[in-house]
Amino acid sequence: MDKNQQWQSLNKRLSGKFRAKTLLFGKGSLNSAIMLVSEYPNAEEAKKNRPLDGAHGKLIDKFLKNLGVTRRNIYITNAVKAVKEKNELPDPKEIKQFSQFLREEIKIIEPKMIIALGGISLRGLNVKLPLFNIRGRVIRFGTNSLFATHHPSETAKNPQLLGEIEKDFSKLQEEIKNLA
């Protein structure tokens, strides 16, 4: 089975298991060296069928551009694929239910670098360390490298985090150059 068939099979199993939920699957290059893992989709993102859309997506697009990449040449997904309404957060059980599918997604894509946005993404990746312990650094994650920073939605509550995210992505620039 090629990557596209594996990816389609994974999404079909996800749809079967979470029949009553609106899901948003990952998007982008299945052959990417970079996988960006966000937390969970909102209704607008699902409607547009585009992870990380809106104002937060524009921020990420800007940071990606500074890294020399675009959405087209990376893969973007969510730790939790089910749409969350009205700022509802996924509970630990839901994060765990989706984490097995995220691990399969990683096996299919085979990225060299995984960029995790926010604590829910880290929990979905089964990383036990809190975000503040590993934010802004590259750590080994199995055969991959993992880089974690704040989710851009956090800047709405705490605008000072924007500077931290910018600084984190500038640190990531050198790592991305080394992937090529």
Protein backbone atom coordinates (compact mmCIF):
# COMPACT_ATOMS: atom_id res chain seq x y z
CA MET A 1 0.00 0.00 0.00
CA ASP A 2 1.41 3.42 -0.91
CA LYS A 3 1.27 6.45 1.42
CA ASN A 4 -1.90 7.85 -0.16
CA GLN A 5 -3.73 4.53 0.26
CA GLN A 6 -2.52 4.23 3.87
CA TRP A 7 -3.65 7.81 4.59
CA GLN A 8 -7.08 7.21 3.03
CA SER A 9 -7.46 3.97 4.99
CA LEU A 10 -6.56 5.77 8.23
CA ASN A 11 -9.14 8.51 7.57
CA LYS A 12 -11.79 5.90 6.73
CA ARG A 13 -11.15 4.13 10.05
CA LEU A 14 -11.29 7.47 11.88
CA SER A 15 -14.62 8.28 10.23
CA GLY A 16 -15.96 4.86 11.21
CA LYS A 17 -14.88 5.12 14.83
CA PHE A 18 -16.08 8.71 15.35
CA ARG A 19 -19.23 8.56 13.21
CA ALA A 20 -21.21 11.06 15.29
CA LYS A 21 -18.50 13.73 15.21
CA THR A 22 -17.42 16.26 12.60
CA LEU A 23 -13.79 15.50 11.80
CA LEU A 24 -11.00 17.42 10.09
CA PHE A 25 -8.23 15.30 8.60
CA GLY A 26 -4.65 16.40 8.04
CA LYS A 27 -3.71 18.32 4.89
CA GLY A 28 -0.56 18.83 2.88
CA SER A 29 2.28 16.82 1.45
CA LEU A 30 2.32 13.17 2.47
CA ASN A 31 6.06 13.17 1.69
CA SER A 32 6.93 16.16 3.86
CA ALA A 33 9.93 16.27 6.15
CA ILE A 34 7.90 18.59 8.40
CA MET A 35 4.66 17.78 10.21
CA LEU A 36 2.88 20.52 12.13
CA VAL A 37 0.53 19.25 14.85
CA SER A 38 -2.09 21.68 16.11
CA GLU A 39 -4.49 20.97 18.98
CA TYR A 40 -8.05 20.53 17.63
CA PRO A 41 -10.17 22.05 14.85
CA ASN A 42 -12.97 24.56 15.22
CA ALA A 43 -16.16 24.56 13.14
CA GLU A 44 -14.84 27.17 10.69
CA GLU A 45 -11.72 25.13 9.96
CA ALA A 46 -13.84 22.02 9.37
CA LYS A 47 -16.22 23.95 7.11
CA LYS A 48 -13.29 25.19 5.00
CA ASN A 49 -11.57 21.80 5.30
CA ARG A 50 -8.38 23.57 6.33
CA PRO A 51 -6.48 23.07 9.60
CA LEU A 52 -5.23 26.26 11.26
CA ASP A 53 -7.42 28.72 9.40
CA GLY A 54 -8.33 32.29 10.30
CA ALA A 55 -6.18 34.71 12.28
CA HIS A 56 -4.14 31.96 13.95
CA GLY A 57 -3.52 30.35 10.59
CA LYS A 58 -2.27 33.64 9.18
CA LEU A 59 0.24 33.84 12.04
CA ILE A 60 1.43 30.31 11.34
CA ASP A 61 1.66 31.05 7.60
CA LYS A 62 3.90 34.03 8.42
CA PHE A 63 6.15 31.91 10.65
CA LEU A 64 6.31 29.15 8.01
CA LYS A 65 7.25 31.69 5.34
CA ASN A 66 10.12 32.86 7.57
CA LEU A 67 11.24 29.22 7.72
CA GLY A 68 11.18 29.08 3.92
CA VAL A 69 8.23 26.67 3.72
CA THR A 70 4.55 26.91 2.82
CA ARG A 71 1.49 24.85 3.65
CA ARG A 72 1.91 23.06 0.33
CA ASN A 73 5.22 21.50 1.22
CA ILE A 74 4.47 20.49 4.82
CA TYR A 75 1.78 18.34 6.44
CA ILE A 76 -0.61 19.93 8.98
CA THR A 77 -2.84 17.93 11.29
CA ASN A 78 -4.53 18.12 14.69
CA ALA A 79 -3.93 15.99 17.77
CA VAL A 80 -7.71 15.73 18.16
CA LYS A 81 -9.54 15.48 14.83
CA ALA A 82 -13.05 16.20 16.20
CA VAL A 83 -14.42 19.72 15.95
CA LYS A 84 -14.81 21.50 19.27
CA GLU A 85 -17.50 24.12 19.75
CA LYS A 86 -17.53 27.32 21.83
CA ASN A 87 -14.00 27.09 23.25
CA GLU A 88 -14.69 23.62 24.62
CA LEU A 89 -11.44 21.76 25.28
CA PRO A 90 -10.97 18.07 24.51
CA ASP A 91 -10.90 15.95 27.64
CA PRO A 92 -7.99 13.57 28.37
CA LYS A 93 -10.01 10.52 27.24
CA GLU A 94 -10.72 12.14 23.86
CA ILE A 95 -7.06 13.13 23.41
CA LYS A 96 -6.07 9.52 24.14
CA GLN A 97 -8.65 8.12 21.68
CA PHE A 98 -7.18 10.20 18.87
CA SER A 99 -3.52 9.72 19.83
CA GLN A 100 -3.30 6.24 18.30
CA PHE A 101 -4.45 7.71 14.98
CA LEU A 102 -1.91 10.53 15.26
CA ARG A 103 0.86 7.96 15.78
CA GLU A 104 -0.30 6.15 12.63
CA GLU A 105 -0.35 9.44 10.76
CA ILE A 106 3.28 10.02 11.79
CA LYS A 107 4.23 6.53 10.56
CA ILE A 108 2.63 7.26 7.19
CA ILE A 109 4.13 10.74 6.71
CA GLU A 110 7.55 9.85 8.20
CA PRO A 111 8.50 13.44 9.01
CA LYS A 112 11.98 14.31 10.21
CA MET A 113 10.63 17.24 12.26
CA ILE A 114 7.35 17.42 14.17
CA ILE A 115 6.30 20.89 15.30
CA ALA A 116 3.79 20.70 18.17
CA LEU A 117 1.62 23.74 18.84
CA GLY A 118 0.41 23.78 22.44
CA GLY A 119 0.01 21.41 25.34
CA ILE A 120 -2.89 19.42 23.87
CA SER A 121 -0.69 18.58 20.87
CA LEU A 122 2.02 17.30 23.19
CA ARG A 123 -0.49 15.15 25.09
CA GLY A 124 -1.79 13.81 21.76
CA LEU A 125 1.78 12.85 20.92
CA ASN A 126 2.04 11.14 24.35
CA VAL A 127 4.79 13.51 25.48
CA LYS A 128 4.76 13.52 29.27
CA LEU A 129 6.83 16.70 29.69
CA PRO A 130 4.90 19.96 30.05
CA LEU A 131 5.21 22.54 27.30
CA PHE A 132 7.18 24.99 29.46
CA ASN A 133 9.93 22.34 29.93
CA ILE A 134 10.58 21.77 26.23
CA ARG A 135 9.27 24.89 24.47
CA GLY A 136 11.67 26.38 21.94
CA ARG A 137 14.04 23.40 21.79
CA VAL A 138 14.44 20.40 19.54
CA ILE A 139 14.25 17.06 21.34
CA ARG A 140 14.47 13.49 20.11
CA PHE A 141 11.09 11.87 19.58
CA GLY A 142 11.65 8.26 18.52
CA THR A 143 13.26 8.52 15.09
CA ASN A 144 11.95 12.07 14.65
CA SER A 145 12.85 15.45 16.07
CA LEU A 146 10.18 17.30 18.04
CA PHE A 147 9.91 21.06 18.47
CA ALA A 148 7.19 22.55 20.67
CA THR A 149 5.85 26.06 21.11
CA HIS A 150 2.65 27.76 22.18
CA HIS A 151 -0.48 27.45 20.05
CA PRO A 152 -1.10 30.81 18.35
CA SER A 153 -4.62 30.99 19.86
CA GLU A 154 -2.95 31.58 23.23
CA THR A 155 -1.86 35.04 22.02
CA ALA A 156 -5.50 36.18 22.23
CA LYS A 157 -5.40 35.63 26.01
CA ASN A 158 -1.77 36.62 26.47
CA PRO A 159 -0.36 38.88 23.71
CA GLN A 160 3.16 38.60 25.18
CA LEU A 161 3.29 35.00 23.97
CA LEU A 162 3.50 36.23 20.37
CA GLY A 163 7.09 37.31 21.00
CA GLU A 164 7.90 33.89 22.48
CA ILE A 165 6.38 32.08 19.48
CA GLU A 166 8.35 34.33 17.09
CA LYS A 167 11.55 33.63 19.01
CA ASP A 168 10.82 29.89 18.99
CA PHE A 169 10.24 29.82 15.24
CA SER A 170 13.45 31.80 14.63
CA LYS A 171 15.35 29.10 16.60
CA LEU A 172 13.67 26.50 14.41
CA GLN A 173 15.00 28.14 11.23
CA GLU A 174 18.46 26.60 11.54
CA GLU A 175 17.02 23.15 12.29
CA ILE A 176 14.82 23.32 9.17
CA LYS A 177 17.82 24.26 7.01
CA ASN A 178 19.62 21.17 8.33
CA LEU A 179 16.74 18.90 7.23
CA ALA A 180 17.47 19.50 3.55
